[in-house]
Protein backbone atom coordinates (compact mmCIF):
# COMPACT_ATOMS: atom_id res chain seq x y z
CA MET A 1 39.06 -49.92 -9.14
CA ARG A 2 42.66 -48.45 -8.06
CA PHE A 3 42.96 -47.35 -4.63
CA GLY A 4 43.32 -43.48 -5.53
CA GLU A 5 40.10 -43.77 -7.09
CA PHE A 6 38.78 -45.71 -4.13
CA LEU A 7 39.85 -42.77 -1.74
CA LEU A 8 38.56 -39.99 -3.95
CA VAL A 9 35.13 -41.68 -3.95
CA ALA A 10 35.71 -42.34 0.12
CA VAL A 11 36.11 -38.38 0.45
CA LEU A 12 32.95 -37.89 -0.44
CA ALA A 13 30.65 -40.98 0.34
CA LEU A 14 31.75 -41.40 4.22
CA PRO A 15 30.11 -38.04 4.80
CA ALA A 16 27.21 -38.10 2.50
CA LEU A 17 26.44 -41.49 3.87
CA GLY A 18 27.05 -40.44 7.21
CA ALA A 19 24.96 -37.48 6.99
CA LEU A 20 22.04 -40.05 6.31
CA VAL A 21 23.13 -42.22 9.22
CA VAL A 22 23.49 -39.39 11.81
CA ALA A 23 19.83 -38.23 10.54
CA ALA A 24 18.31 -41.65 11.31
CA THR A 25 20.03 -42.15 14.33
CA PRO A 26 17.07 -41.68 17.08
CA ARG A 27 19.09 -40.68 20.07
CA ASP A 28 20.99 -37.32 19.90
CA ARG A 29 24.38 -37.95 21.68
CA THR A 30 24.60 -41.27 19.85
CA ALA A 31 23.93 -39.54 16.56
CA ARG A 32 26.91 -36.95 17.21
CA ALA A 33 29.28 -39.50 17.96
CA VAL A 34 28.62 -41.12 14.86
CA GLY A 35 28.75 -38.02 13.01
CA THR A 36 32.28 -37.23 14.64
CA VAL A 37 33.61 -40.74 13.91
CA VAL A 38 32.44 -40.23 10.32
CA ALA A 39 34.55 -36.87 10.09
CA ALA A 40 37.48 -38.68 11.50
CA LEU A 41 37.35 -41.04 8.78
CA THR A 42 36.82 -38.32 6.21
CA LEU A 43 40.10 -36.80 7.77
CA VAL A 44 42.38 -40.07 7.54
CA ALA A 45 40.85 -40.64 3.65
CA ALA A 46 41.93 -37.06 3.25
CA ALA A 47 45.23 -37.36 4.28
CA LEU A 48 45.95 -40.53 2.35
CA LEU A 49 45.31 -38.93 -0.80
CA PHE A 50 48.67 -37.05 -0.64
CA LEU A 51 49.96 -40.78 -1.37
CA GLY A 52 49.69 -40.18 -5.19
CA ASP A 53 52.08 -39.93 -7.98
CA ARG A 54 54.27 -36.34 -7.24
CA SER A 55 57.33 -37.71 -8.79
CA TRP A 56 56.93 -35.19 -11.67
CA SER A 57 58.23 -31.73 -10.78
CA THR A 58 58.50 -30.12 -14.15
CA TYR A 59 56.02 -29.73 -17.31
CA THR A 60 57.12 -29.82 -20.74
CA ALA A 61 55.45 -28.18 -23.94
CA GLY A 62 52.07 -30.48 -24.98
CA THR A 63 51.44 -31.67 -21.39
CA PRO A 64 48.45 -30.98 -19.67
CA ALA A 65 48.40 -28.08 -16.82
CA VAL A 66 46.21 -29.79 -14.60
CA ARG A 67 48.26 -33.12 -13.53
CA PRO A 68 45.97 -35.01 -10.43
CA TRP A 69 47.71 -37.40 -8.24
CA HIS A 70 44.68 -39.51 -8.13
CA ARG A 71 42.08 -39.28 -10.76
CA LEU A 72 38.40 -40.87 -11.32
CA ASP A 73 36.44 -40.27 -14.69
CA LEU A 74 33.35 -41.64 -15.21
CA PRO A 75 30.25 -41.13 -17.58
CA TRP A 76 27.58 -39.13 -15.73
CA VAL A 77 25.01 -37.66 -18.16
CA PRO A 78 26.41 -39.63 -21.37
CA GLY A 79 23.57 -37.53 -23.39
CA LEU A 80 24.95 -34.05 -22.71
CA ASP A 81 29.26 -35.20 -22.41
CA LEU A 82 29.16 -34.53 -18.70
CA ARG A 83 31.37 -37.03 -16.88
CA PHE A 84 31.71 -37.44 -12.92
CA HIS A 85 35.27 -36.48 -13.20
CA LEU A 86 37.40 -36.19 -9.56
CA GLY A 87 40.94 -34.88 -9.15
CA VAL A 88 43.26 -33.87 -6.45
CA ASP A 89 46.82 -32.21 -6.79
CA GLY A 90 48.93 -29.73 -4.55
CA ILE A 91 46.56 -26.99 -5.07
CA SER A 92 43.48 -28.90 -4.11
CA TRP A 93 44.96 -31.15 -1.25
CA PRO A 94 45.74 -28.47 1.50
CA LEU A 95 42.17 -27.30 1.27
CA VAL A 96 40.74 -30.83 1.37
CA VAL A 97 42.54 -31.65 4.29
CA LEU A 98 41.72 -28.24 6.08
CA THR A 99 37.82 -28.95 5.30
CA ALA A 100 38.07 -32.55 6.93
CA LEU A 101 40.09 -31.43 9.59
CA LEU A 102 37.73 -28.31 10.49
CA THR A 103 34.63 -30.46 10.14
CA LEU A 104 35.72 -32.80 12.46
CA LEU A 105 36.56 -30.05 15.18
CA CYS A 106 33.28 -28.94 14.45
CA CYS A 107 31.67 -32.34 15.12
CA GLY A 108 33.37 -32.93 18.12
CA TYR A 109 32.77 -29.67 19.47
CA THR A 110 28.87 -30.41 19.31
CA MET A 111 29.54 -33.48 22.04
CA TRP A 112 30.24 -31.13 24.48
CA LYS A 113 28.01 -27.94 23.71
CA VAL A 114 25.37 -27.65 21.10
CA PRO A 115 24.09 -24.09 20.30
CA ASP A 116 20.35 -23.34 21.24
CA GLY A 117 17.91 -23.51 18.40
CA GLY A 118 17.66 -27.48 17.65
CA SER A 119 18.92 -30.95 17.99
CA GLY A 120 22.47 -31.64 17.91
CA ARG A 121 21.77 -34.45 15.77
CA ALA A 122 20.16 -32.19 13.23
CA LEU A 123 23.39 -29.75 13.29
CA VAL A 124 26.04 -32.82 12.98
CA ALA A 125 23.92 -33.98 9.61
CA LEU A 126 24.02 -30.51 8.30
CA LEU A 127 27.74 -29.97 8.57
CA LEU A 128 28.40 -33.19 7.15
CA VAL A 129 26.25 -32.26 3.88
CA VAL A 130 27.89 -28.99 3.92
CA GLU A 131 31.41 -30.88 4.00
CA VAL A 132 30.64 -33.12 1.30
CA GLY A 133 29.76 -29.63 -1.17
CA ILE A 134 32.94 -28.28 -0.15
CA LEU A 135 35.22 -31.27 -0.81
CA GLY A 136 33.43 -31.85 -3.96
CA THR A 137 33.96 -28.42 -5.22
CA PHE A 138 37.67 -28.71 -4.59
CA LEU A 139 37.87 -32.14 -6.19
CA ALA A 140 35.43 -31.10 -9.71
CA LEU A 141 37.52 -31.68 -12.75
CA ASP A 142 34.26 -30.92 -14.57
CA LEU A 143 32.91 -27.36 -14.81
CA VAL A 144 29.21 -28.72 -14.47
CA LEU A 145 30.15 -31.01 -11.62
CA PHE A 146 32.21 -28.15 -9.91
CA PHE A 147 28.48 -25.83 -10.25
CA VAL A 148 26.47 -28.79 -8.61
CA PHE A 149 29.22 -29.10 -5.85
CA PHE A 150 29.45 -25.34 -5.48
CA GLU A 151 25.46 -25.06 -4.77
CA VAL A 152 25.13 -28.23 -2.49
CA VAL A 153 26.54 -25.84 0.24
CA LEU A 154 24.06 -23.19 -0.04
CA LEU A 155 20.69 -24.89 1.76
CA PRO A 156 22.28 -26.48 4.60
CA MET A 157 24.74 -23.48 5.50
CA TYR A 158 21.61 -21.27 5.22
CA ALA A 159 19.53 -23.81 7.97
CA ILE A 160 22.93 -23.64 10.34
CA ILE A 161 22.59 -19.76 10.19
CA ALA A 162 18.60 -19.76 10.51
CA GLY A 163 18.37 -22.71 12.96
CA TRP A 164 21.15 -22.34 15.29
CA GLY A 165 22.40 -18.50 15.16
CA GLY A 166 21.92 -15.71 17.29
CA ALA A 167 18.84 -13.27 17.86
CA ASP A 168 18.80 -11.85 14.07
CA ARG A 169 19.62 -15.28 12.73
CA ARG A 170 16.82 -15.46 10.03
CA ARG A 171 17.64 -11.97 8.55
CA ALA A 172 21.40 -12.80 8.43
CA ALA A 173 20.76 -16.22 6.79
CA ARG A 174 18.10 -14.55 4.14
CA LYS A 175 20.99 -12.32 3.49
CA PHE A 176 23.56 -14.75 2.94
CA ALA A 177 21.18 -16.87 0.69
CA LEU A 178 20.37 -14.08 -1.68
CA TYR A 179 23.97 -13.07 -2.19
CA THR A 180 24.78 -16.53 -2.84
CA LEU A 181 22.22 -17.06 -5.33
CA LEU A 182 23.52 -14.19 -6.94
CA GLY A 183 26.87 -15.23 -7.47
CA SER A 184 25.27 -19.05 -8.28
CA VAL A 185 23.61 -17.29 -11.32
CA LEU A 186 26.59 -15.54 -12.29
CA LEU A 187 28.72 -18.74 -12.11
CA LEU A 188 26.20 -20.62 -13.99
CA VAL A 189 26.23 -18.20 -17.08
CA GLY A 190 29.78 -18.48 -16.77
CA VAL A 191 29.87 -22.15 -17.26
CA TYR A 192 27.52 -21.71 -19.76
CA VAL A 193 29.91 -19.59 -21.77
CA VAL A 194 32.72 -21.79 -21.72
CA VAL A 195 31.11 -24.76 -22.33
CA ALA A 196 29.17 -23.55 -24.92
CA ALA A 197 32.03 -22.25 -26.87
CA ALA A 198 34.47 -24.82 -26.00
CA GLY A 199 32.33 -28.22 -26.52
CA THR A 200 33.28 -29.34 -23.13
CA ALA A 201 33.42 -29.14 -19.31
CA ASP A 202 36.79 -30.98 -18.73
CA VAL A 203 38.93 -28.70 -16.85
CA VAL A 204 42.03 -30.38 -17.57
CA ALA A 205 41.07 -29.99 -21.16
CA LEU A 206 40.13 -26.23 -20.88
CA THR A 207 43.05 -24.88 -18.59
CA GLY A 208 45.30 -22.64 -20.63
CA GLY A 209 41.93 -21.44 -22.58
CA THR A 210 41.86 -23.97 -24.91
CA GLY A 211 39.41 -24.11 -27.93
CA LEU A 212 38.20 -20.08 -26.41
CA SER A 213 38.53 -17.04 -28.47
CA ARG A 214 39.46 -13.80 -26.77
CA GLY A 215 36.27 -12.36 -26.49
CA THR A 216 34.79 -15.53 -24.49
CA GLN A 217 37.64 -15.48 -22.34
CA LEU A 218 37.27 -11.87 -21.24
CA ALA A 219 33.39 -12.53 -21.12
CA ALA A 220 33.73 -15.90 -18.93
CA PHE A 221 36.27 -14.59 -16.85
CA THR A 222 34.05 -11.55 -15.85
CA LEU A 223 31.43 -13.59 -14.98
CA LEU A 224 33.32 -16.22 -13.16
CA ALA A 225 35.48 -13.67 -11.39
CA LEU A 226 32.20 -11.79 -9.88
CA ALA A 227 30.71 -15.57 -9.20
CA PHE A 228 33.78 -16.08 -6.82
CA ALA A 229 34.13 -12.59 -5.50
CA VAL A 230 30.73 -13.24 -3.65
CA LYS A 231 31.33 -16.39 -2.51
CA SER A 232 34.78 -15.33 -0.91
CA PRO A 233 34.02 -12.41 -0.25
CA LEU A 234 35.83 -9.87 -1.80
CA TRP A 235 35.26 -6.32 -1.73
CA PRO A 236 32.84 -4.60 -2.21
CA LEU A 237 30.58 -7.71 -2.65
CA HIS A 238 31.36 -8.79 1.04
CA SER A 239 28.27 -7.01 2.87
CA TRP A 240 26.70 -10.41 3.98
CA LEU A 241 29.93 -11.63 5.41
CA PRO A 242 29.71 -9.94 8.85
CA ASP A 243 25.79 -10.36 9.74
CA ALA A 244 26.13 -14.36 8.68
CA HIS A 245 29.29 -14.62 11.10
CA THR A 246 27.87 -12.50 13.69
CA GLN A 247 24.85 -14.67 13.74
CA ALA A 248 25.92 -17.83 13.00
CA PRO A 249 26.49 -20.14 16.03
CA THR A 250 30.09 -20.94 16.90
CA VAL A 251 30.85 -24.31 14.64
CA GLY A 252 28.70 -22.55 11.51
CA SER A 253 31.13 -19.29 11.75
CA VAL A 254 34.22 -21.97 12.14
CA VAL A 255 33.22 -23.57 8.83
CA LEU A 256 32.05 -20.38 7.31
CA ALA A 257 35.47 -18.62 7.54
CA GLY A 258 37.52 -21.62 7.61
CA VAL A 259 36.80 -23.14 4.36
CA LEU A 260 33.36 -21.96 2.93
CA LEU A 261 35.09 -18.63 1.79
CA LYS A 262 37.97 -20.78 0.35
CA MET A 263 35.45 -22.10 -2.38
CA GLY A 264 35.48 -18.64 -3.72
CA THR A 265 39.72 -18.08 -4.12
CA TYR A 266 40.01 -21.79 -5.08
CA GLY A 267 37.47 -21.40 -7.93
CA LEU A 268 39.39 -18.08 -9.33
CA ILE A 269 42.53 -19.98 -9.23
CA ARG A 270 41.35 -23.03 -10.69
CA ILE A 271 38.54 -22.49 -12.80
CA ALA A 272 38.63 -18.30 -13.47
CA VAL A 273 42.21 -17.72 -14.14
CA GLY A 274 42.94 -21.44 -15.82
CA VAL A 275 40.17 -21.89 -18.12
CA ALA A 276 40.30 -18.10 -19.11
CA PRO A 277 44.12 -16.71 -18.71
CA GLU A 278 43.67 -13.76 -21.43
CA GLY A 279 40.57 -12.53 -19.45
CA ALA A 280 43.10 -12.78 -16.08
CA ARG A 281 45.62 -10.92 -17.86
CA TRP A 282 43.45 -8.29 -19.10
CA ALA A 283 41.79 -8.09 -15.42
CA ALA A 284 44.41 -8.30 -13.33
CA PRO A 285 45.10 -4.61 -12.73
CA VAL A 286 41.56 -4.14 -11.96
CA LEU A 287 41.99 -7.17 -9.37
CA GLY A 288 44.87 -5.54 -7.89
CA VAL A 289 43.24 -2.13 -7.16
CA LEU A 290 40.00 -3.88 -5.76
CA ALA A 291 42.46 -6.39 -3.64
CA VAL A 292 44.11 -3.34 -2.09
CA ALA A 293 40.87 -1.45 -1.44
CA ALA A 294 39.62 -4.54 0.40
CA ILE A 295 43.09 -4.67 2.44
CA LEU A 296 42.70 -0.99 3.37
CA VAL A 297 38.47 -0.61 3.70
CA GLY A 298 38.59 -4.00 5.76
CA SER A 299 41.19 -2.72 8.43
CA LEU A 300 39.50 0.67 8.67
CA VAL A 301 36.28 -0.90 9.50
CA CYS A 302 37.83 -3.07 11.87
CA LEU A 303 39.53 -0.42 13.86
CA ALA A 304 36.06 0.93 14.17
CA GLN A 305 34.28 -2.28 15.44
CA ARG A 306 32.77 -2.86 18.60
CA ASP A 307 31.64 -6.29 18.39
CA LEU A 308 34.40 -9.43 18.85
CA LYS A 309 32.74 -11.69 15.97
CA ARG A 310 31.97 -9.00 13.74
CA LEU A 311 35.53 -7.46 13.75
CA ILE A 312 36.92 -11.22 13.14
CA ALA A 313 34.41 -11.03 10.56
CA TYR A 314 35.80 -7.93 8.68
CA SER A 315 38.99 -9.15 9.06
CA SER A 316 38.67 -11.68 6.50
CA VAL A 317 37.86 -9.25 4.11
CA GLY A 318 41.41 -7.64 4.75
CA HIS A 319 43.04 -11.39 4.44
CA MET A 320 41.16 -12.39 1.56
CA GLY A 321 42.18 -9.02 0.00
CA PHE A 322 45.83 -10.02 0.47
CA VAL A 323 45.05 -13.50 -1.28
CA LEU A 324 43.28 -11.71 -4.40
CA LEU A 325 46.41 -9.26 -4.62
CA GLY A 326 48.23 -12.45 -5.03
CA VAL A 327 46.71 -14.10 -7.39
CA ALA A 328 46.18 -10.75 -9.31
CA THR A 329 50.26 -10.67 -9.97
CA LEU A 330 49.54 -13.88 -11.78
CA THR A 331 53.38 -14.86 -10.57
CA ALA A 332 54.55 -18.10 -9.45
CA THR A 333 55.02 -15.97 -5.78
CA GLY A 334 51.80 -14.25 -5.94
CA ILE A 335 49.72 -17.64 -6.40
CA GLN A 336 51.68 -19.42 -3.74
CA ALA A 337 51.18 -16.56 -1.30
CA ALA A 338 47.45 -16.76 -1.91
CA LEU A 339 47.55 -20.72 -1.38
CA ILE A 340 49.47 -20.54 1.55
CA GLY A 341 47.34 -17.56 2.59
CA ASN A 342 43.85 -19.51 2.39
CA VAL A 343 45.19 -22.08 4.43
CA ALA A 344 46.54 -19.91 7.17
CA HIS A 345 43.37 -17.85 7.27
CA GLY A 346 41.15 -21.39 7.49
CA VAL A 347 43.42 -22.27 10.32
CA ILE A 348 43.96 -19.10 12.35
CA THR A 349 40.28 -17.45 11.87
CA GLY A 350 38.79 -20.74 12.49
CA LEU A 351 40.68 -20.45 15.95
CA LEU A 352 39.53 -17.10 16.63
CA PHE A 353 35.74 -17.81 15.96
CA PHE A 354 36.12 -20.80 18.36
CA LEU A 355 37.44 -18.62 20.84
CA ALA A 356 35.26 -16.08 20.64
CA GLY A 357 32.48 -18.23 21.04
CA ALA A 358 33.70 -19.51 24.08
CA ILE A 359 34.23 -15.88 25.08
CA LYS A 360 30.54 -15.10 24.07
CA ASP A 361 29.21 -18.09 25.62
CA ARG A 362 30.88 -17.28 29.36
CA THR A 363 30.28 -13.64 29.41
CA HIS A 364 26.86 -13.54 27.47
CA THR A 365 28.33 -10.73 25.11
CA GLY A 366 30.54 -9.97 22.22
CA SER A 367 30.64 -6.15 22.48
CA LEU A 368 34.00 -4.91 23.58
CA ASP A 369 32.81 -2.33 25.61
CA GLU A 370 31.65 -4.77 28.11
CA LEU A 371 34.72 -7.37 27.98
CA SER A 372 37.89 -6.45 29.52
CA GLY A 373 40.46 -7.71 31.94
CA LEU A 374 40.08 -11.27 30.68
CA ARG A 375 43.89 -12.25 31.19
CA GLU A 376 42.94 -11.60 35.15
CA THR A 377 40.08 -14.22 35.38
CA ALA A 378 40.76 -16.28 32.53
CA PRO A 379 44.49 -16.17 31.70
CA ARG A 380 44.51 -19.69 29.60
CA LEU A 381 41.51 -18.18 27.46
CA ALA A 382 43.57 -14.95 27.10
CA GLY A 383 46.52 -16.60 26.13
CA LEU A 384 44.90 -18.47 23.41
CA LEU A 385 43.35 -15.37 22.11
CA GLY A 386 46.86 -13.63 21.82
CA PHE A 387 48.29 -16.14 19.82
CA ALA A 388 45.61 -16.48 17.54
CA ALA A 389 45.64 -12.56 17.31
CA VAL A 390 49.09 -12.05 16.65
CA ALA A 391 49.13 -15.13 14.21
CA SER A 392 46.47 -13.17 12.44
CA LEU A 393 48.31 -10.20 12.22
CA GLY A 394 51.12 -11.73 10.70
CA LEU A 395 53.89 -12.08 13.10
CA PRO A 396 56.84 -13.77 11.53
CA GLY A 397 57.29 -17.66 12.69
CA LEU A 398 53.39 -18.13 12.49
CA ALA A 399 51.37 -18.99 9.56
CA GLY A 400 49.57 -15.51 8.81
CA PHE A 401 52.97 -13.89 7.81
CA TRP A 402 53.80 -15.95 4.36
CA GLY A 403 50.40 -15.06 2.56
CA GLU A 404 50.62 -11.79 3.32
CA ALA A 405 54.21 -10.67 3.06
CA PHE A 406 54.83 -12.42 -0.38
CA ALA A 407 51.83 -11.05 -1.78
CA VAL A 408 52.93 -7.80 -1.11
CA VAL A 409 56.83 -9.42 -2.54
CA ALA A 410 54.85 -10.56 -5.65
CA ALA A 411 53.18 -7.13 -6.50
CA VAL A 412 56.35 -5.09 -5.82
CA GLU A 413 58.50 -7.86 -8.25
CA VAL A 414 55.61 -7.44 -11.08
CA GLY A 415 57.22 -3.86 -11.05
CA GLY A 416 55.94 -0.45 -12.56
CA ALA A 417 54.21 2.43 -11.07
CA LEU A 418 50.89 0.65 -10.47
CA TRP A 419 51.94 -2.67 -8.97
CA THR A 420 54.60 -1.17 -6.82
CA THR A 421 51.88 1.40 -5.32
CA LEU A 422 49.55 -1.61 -4.57
CA GLY A 423 52.32 -3.38 -2.72
CA VAL A 424 53.44 -0.48 -0.46
CA LEU A 425 49.70 0.46 -0.12
CA ALA A 426 49.09 -3.41 1.03
CA ALA A 427 52.10 -3.46 2.93
CA ILE A 428 50.47 -0.33 4.99
CA GLY A 429 47.28 -2.37 5.41
CA GLY A 430 49.54 -5.16 7.11
CA ALA A 431 50.26 -2.53 9.52
CA LEU A 432 46.58 -1.77 10.31
CA THR A 433 45.90 -5.20 10.53
CA ALA A 434 48.22 -5.08 13.36
CA ALA A 435 46.70 -1.96 15.08
CA TYR A 436 43.18 -3.29 15.02
CA LEU A 437 44.30 -6.82 15.98
CA LEU A 438 46.43 -5.03 19.14
CA ARG A 439 43.70 -2.83 20.26
CA LEU A 440 41.20 -6.24 20.12
CA LEU A 441 44.06 -7.76 22.85
CA ARG A 442 44.16 -4.32 24.57
CA ARG A 443 40.28 -3.89 24.97
CA VAL A 444 39.72 -7.52 25.81
CA THR A 445 42.42 -9.02 27.75
CA HIS A 446 43.96 -5.78 29.58
CA GLY A 447 42.29 -3.43 32.00
CA ARG A 448 40.24 -4.23 35.31
CA PRO A 449 37.59 -7.27 34.50
CA SER A 450 34.60 -5.92 33.64
CA PRO A 451 31.36 -7.60 35.54
CA ALA A 452 30.62 -10.22 32.57
CA VAL A 453 34.24 -10.98 32.45
CA GLY A 454 34.63 -11.18 36.34
CA ARG A 455 32.08 -14.08 36.92
CA LEU A 456 34.49 -16.25 34.61
CA THR A 457 36.20 -19.61 36.13
CA PRO A 458 39.93 -19.80 34.84
CA GLY A 459 39.86 -23.21 33.65
CA LEU A 460 39.21 -24.62 29.93
CA ALA A 461 37.12 -27.43 28.90
CA GLY A 462 39.00 -30.81 27.81
CA VAL A 463 36.79 -30.67 24.59
CA GLU A 464 37.81 -27.26 23.99
CA LEU A 465 41.47 -28.00 24.42
CA VAL A 466 41.05 -31.02 21.95
CA ALA A 467 39.07 -28.77 19.51
CA TRP A 468 42.07 -25.82 19.61
CA ALA A 469 44.96 -27.77 20.02
CA PRO A 470 45.35 -28.79 16.37
CA LEU A 471 44.74 -25.46 15.06
CA VAL A 472 47.33 -23.84 17.59
CA LEU A 473 50.14 -26.85 16.03
CA LEU A 474 48.75 -26.10 12.80
CA ALA A 475 49.59 -22.22 12.74
CA LEU A 476 53.21 -23.12 14.16
CA ALA A 477 53.92 -25.82 12.00
CA VAL A 478 52.76 -23.70 9.01
CA GLY A 479 54.25 -20.83 10.25
CA LEU A 480 57.71 -22.59 10.82
CA ALA A 481 57.45 -25.07 7.73
CA PRO A 482 55.70 -23.18 5.05
CA THR A 483 56.80 -25.86 2.74
CA LEU A 484 54.11 -28.08 4.22
CA VAL A 485 51.70 -26.12 1.65
CA LEU A 486 54.30 -24.63 -0.75
CA GLY A 487 56.08 -27.78 -1.49
CA VAL A 488 53.31 -29.64 -2.71
CA ALA A 489 51.98 -26.73 -4.65
CA GLU A 490 54.87 -25.85 -6.65
CA ALA A 491 54.85 -27.79 -9.39
CA PRO A 492 50.94 -27.30 -10.34
CA VAL A 493 51.29 -23.68 -9.48
CA ASP A 494 54.33 -23.69 -12.14
CA ALA A 495 52.15 -25.27 -14.77
CA LEU A 496 49.39 -22.74 -14.27
CA VAL A 497 51.68 -19.82 -14.28
CA GLU A 498 53.26 -21.17 -17.68
CA VAL A 499 50.08 -21.11 -19.42
CA LEU A 500 49.30 -17.50 -18.21
CA ARG A 501 52.54 -16.25 -20.48
């Protein structure tokens, strides 16, 4: 087995075996420590995937549109010609590393605080199982394998919300499960349509619509896009998200917003657009309209929100709208904007949910009406919240800027009355995003300290600083050097756009 193949196996095997070891370890704190070490080793293996063959920078006619840095292709179900086919390239690698990093930070966070509802050992084991499913989704190059990993996430995330969430956690978990199952059914039917028509489940061979008629591509894209819209979630299939975020424990919200939502947008780019390009071209105007609707509706709802976690949850609807707008343009600029927007949202929103959880744990409330004067009693926490908020609103120099700005640029570059209008409306949505995040800061950090905030101590725990510092540094690094994401994704994005022409 070559080094790259070993790394692909290690990235999935480490958290899978780690979950079993953690579940079997009798002492709770020892189990959480083991889980944190396993998550750290997984991050190392994920980062080492970068050491692949990236020497090629251009594609020529006849070369496959998907050319992984590392690839593992083994028989899985020979009778059905299904293969255990994994690979990583510049589109998937940033998301793989982000998943491994956020899982490590969440596992490490449980060393300091375990939410009420169950043992820390069980929570860490479930986080590692969720990691297996998310990583497998980003690495799978077989449609059936992609579907299997896509579904692995459902039950453990349901258990995390239902077991360690808030007072209304069971209803929120059921809503999450029902919506996700709806998306799963649509995904399964879409995969069947593609595999039955093409005679293969190989994503590499299928990219570009090889072997699929126009009618099949239109049907497949519709089914796949709806399935991924539920997971992302994209408006108007988003209503499960605020409840799940509001009720989930802090680490559950971080994983849910940081990387689980990215399974949908990644699937839209890699699977739906890649496998059914004619369907993507046909549906692009509709996707653009829905994207801008998500941006505007999400921003307006956020302006009316009075709960901290719920506001951050609805902000994801708007941010995912910018990602969808970039994808809908079907241009290199737009897809690059979607990819960096995915990474930026994972980093910044993960930080926001960590901070929201810290505020709620200290004050025992998430109501904006009961939170004011945070900078007077806890200036460090208020400063970090201010940093995360201005990063989320797209301040130049921070990670959130590139995805939103270039999604608008891509829409205007497409030209025509429709796309120019969509670009202008998206820019207005960006201004509304700034409005609701600045409103959030005014309500929480300014003014006279409320009774709940007045009881706070000014310091931060060391574990909190360790968990939050990598996200702060990444928000700065990606904002100042977007080539960290765009550089590795340039060649595969150009290849994908080539098959869309």
